[in-house]
Amino acid sequence: MGGMDGNGTDEVLASKWDLPFVVFAMARVAFGGLPLWAKALIIGILGSVILWYGITWRRERGRRAR
């Protein structure tokens, strides 16, 4: 994976958009054998963490804009 070595923005953008797909595929393989309640628990925890992060990020952004 190309890092921040300045080898063109196209490659950086491609890796940025490929990452979620790779993570999703890995998660599908990793959680494939788990029961439904375990998947629901993990999704719930991840969802709440992402939501909390989004809310705090927006709050910080609003504070900086003033």
C-alpha atoms as a PDB file:
ATOM      1  CA  MET A   1       0.000   0.000   0.000  1.00  0.00           C
ATOM      2  CA  GLY A   2       1.358   3.413  -0.975  1.00  0.00           C
ATOM      3  CA  GLY A   3       1.596   5.773   1.957  1.00  0.00           C
ATOM      4  CA  MET A   4       2.179   9.507   2.052  1.00  0.00           C
ATOM      5  CA  ASP A   5       5.205   9.464  -0.244  1.00  0.00           C
ATOM      6  CA  GLY A   6       3.720  11.865  -2.808  1.00  0.00           C
ATOM      7  CA  ASN A   7       3.285   9.406  -5.689  1.00  0.00           C
ATOM      8  CA  GLY A   8       0.102  10.964  -7.070  1.00  0.00           C
ATOM      9  CA  THR A   9      -3.341  11.716  -5.653  1.00  0.00           C
ATOM     10  CA  ASP A  10      -5.094   9.069  -7.778  1.00  0.00           C
ATOM     11  CA  GLU A  11      -3.419   6.230  -5.891  1.00  0.00           C
ATOM     12  CA  VAL A  12      -4.145   7.821  -2.503  1.00  0.00           C
ATOM     13  CA  LEU A  13      -7.823   8.281  -3.396  1.00  0.00           C
ATOM     14  CA  ALA A  14      -8.085   4.727  -4.711  1.00  0.00           C
ATOM     15  CA  SER A  15      -6.623   3.282  -1.504  1.00  0.00           C
ATOM     16  CA  LYS A  16      -8.865   5.555   0.558  1.00  0.00           C
ATOM     17  CA  TRP A  17     -11.988   4.166  -1.145  1.00  0.00           C
ATOM     18  CA  ASP A  18     -10.700   0.568  -1.278  1.00  0.00           C
ATOM     19  CA  LEU A  19     -10.054   0.449   2.470  1.00  0.00           C
ATOM     20  CA  PRO A  20     -13.734   0.257   3.552  1.00  0.00           C
ATOM     21  CA  PHE A  21     -14.318  -2.622   1.136  1.00  0.00           C
ATOM     22  CA  VAL A  22     -11.265  -4.501   2.439  1.00  0.00           C
ATOM     23  CA  VAL A  23     -12.321  -3.911   6.061  1.00  0.00           C
ATOM     24  CA  PHE A  24     -15.892  -5.013   5.250  1.00  0.00           C
ATOM     25  CA  ALA A  25     -14.677  -8.191   3.541  1.00  0.00           C
ATOM     26  CA  MET A  26     -12.358  -9.006   6.455  1.00  0.00           C
ATOM     27  CA  ALA A  27     -15.146  -8.364   8.969  1.00  0.00           C
ATOM     28  CA  ARG A  28     -17.496 -10.613   6.993  1.00  0.00           C
ATOM     29  CA  VAL A  29     -14.970 -13.448   7.126  1.00  0.00           C
ATOM     30  CA  ALA A  30     -14.118 -12.810  10.795  1.00  0.00           C
ATOM     31  CA  PHE A  31     -17.724 -12.547  12.004  1.00  0.00           C
ATOM     32  CA  GLY A  32     -19.148 -15.133   9.590  1.00  0.00           C
ATOM     33  CA  GLY A  33     -19.220 -17.900  12.183  1.00  0.00           C
ATOM     34  CA  LEU A  34     -20.635 -15.822  15.023  1.00  0.00           C
ATOM     35  CA  PRO A  35     -24.258 -16.144  16.177  1.00  0.00           C
ATOM     36  CA  LEU A  36     -26.722 -13.376  15.307  1.00  0.00           C
ATOM     37  CA  TRP A  37     -26.793 -11.870  18.830  1.00  0.00           C
ATOM     38  CA  ALA A  38     -22.988 -11.492  18.801  1.00  0.00           C
ATOM     39  CA  LYS A  39     -23.090  -9.772  15.391  1.00  0.00           C
ATOM     40  CA  ALA A  40     -25.867  -7.458  16.621  1.00  0.00           C
ATOM     41  CA  LEU A  41     -23.841  -6.602  19.745  1.00  0.00           C
ATOM     42  CA  ILE A  42     -20.689  -5.807  17.746  1.00  0.00           C
ATOM     43  CA  ILE A  43     -22.628  -3.747  15.176  1.00  0.00           C
ATOM     44  CA  GLY A  44     -24.386  -1.872  17.991  1.00  0.00           C
ATOM     45  CA  ILE A  45     -21.129  -1.036  19.770  1.00  0.00           C
ATOM     46  CA  LEU A  46     -19.399   0.018  16.550  1.00  0.00           C
ATOM     47  CA  GLY A  47     -22.430   2.059  15.483  1.00  0.00           C
ATOM     48  CA  SER A  48     -22.618   3.929  18.779  1.00  0.00           C
ATOM     49  CA  VAL A  49     -18.867   4.644  18.722  1.00  0.00           C
ATOM     50  CA  ILE A  50     -19.090   5.970  15.141  1.00  0.00           C
ATOM     51  CA  LEU A  51     -22.151   8.062  16.023  1.00  0.00           C
ATOM     52  CA  TRP A  52     -20.431   9.512  19.131  1.00  0.00           C
ATOM     53  CA  TYR A  53     -17.301  10.300  17.102  1.00  0.00           C
ATOM     54  CA  GLY A  54     -19.390  12.004  14.407  1.00  0.00           C
ATOM     55  CA  ILE A  55     -21.271  14.130  16.951  1.00  0.00           C
ATOM     56  CA  THR A  56     -18.088  15.244  18.734  1.00  0.00           C
ATOM     57  CA  TRP A  57     -16.385  15.965  15.385  1.00  0.00           C
ATOM     58  CA  ARG A  58     -19.300  18.162  14.277  1.00  0.00           C
ATOM     59  CA  ARG A  59     -19.344  19.938  17.638  1.00  0.00           C
ATOM     60  CA  GLU A  60     -15.602  20.672  17.378  1.00  0.00           C
ATOM     61  CA  ARG A  61     -16.038  21.861  13.801  1.00  0.00           C
ATOM     62  CA  GLY A  62     -18.840  24.189  14.853  1.00  0.00           C
ATOM     63  CA  ARG A  63     -16.713  25.549  17.675  1.00  0.00           C
ATOM     64  CA  ARG A  64     -13.777  26.255  15.327  1.00  0.00           C
ATOM     65  CA  ALA A  65     -16.029  28.060  12.803  1.00  0.00           C
ATOM     66  CA  ARG A  66     -16.986  30.757  15.351  1.00  0.00           C
END
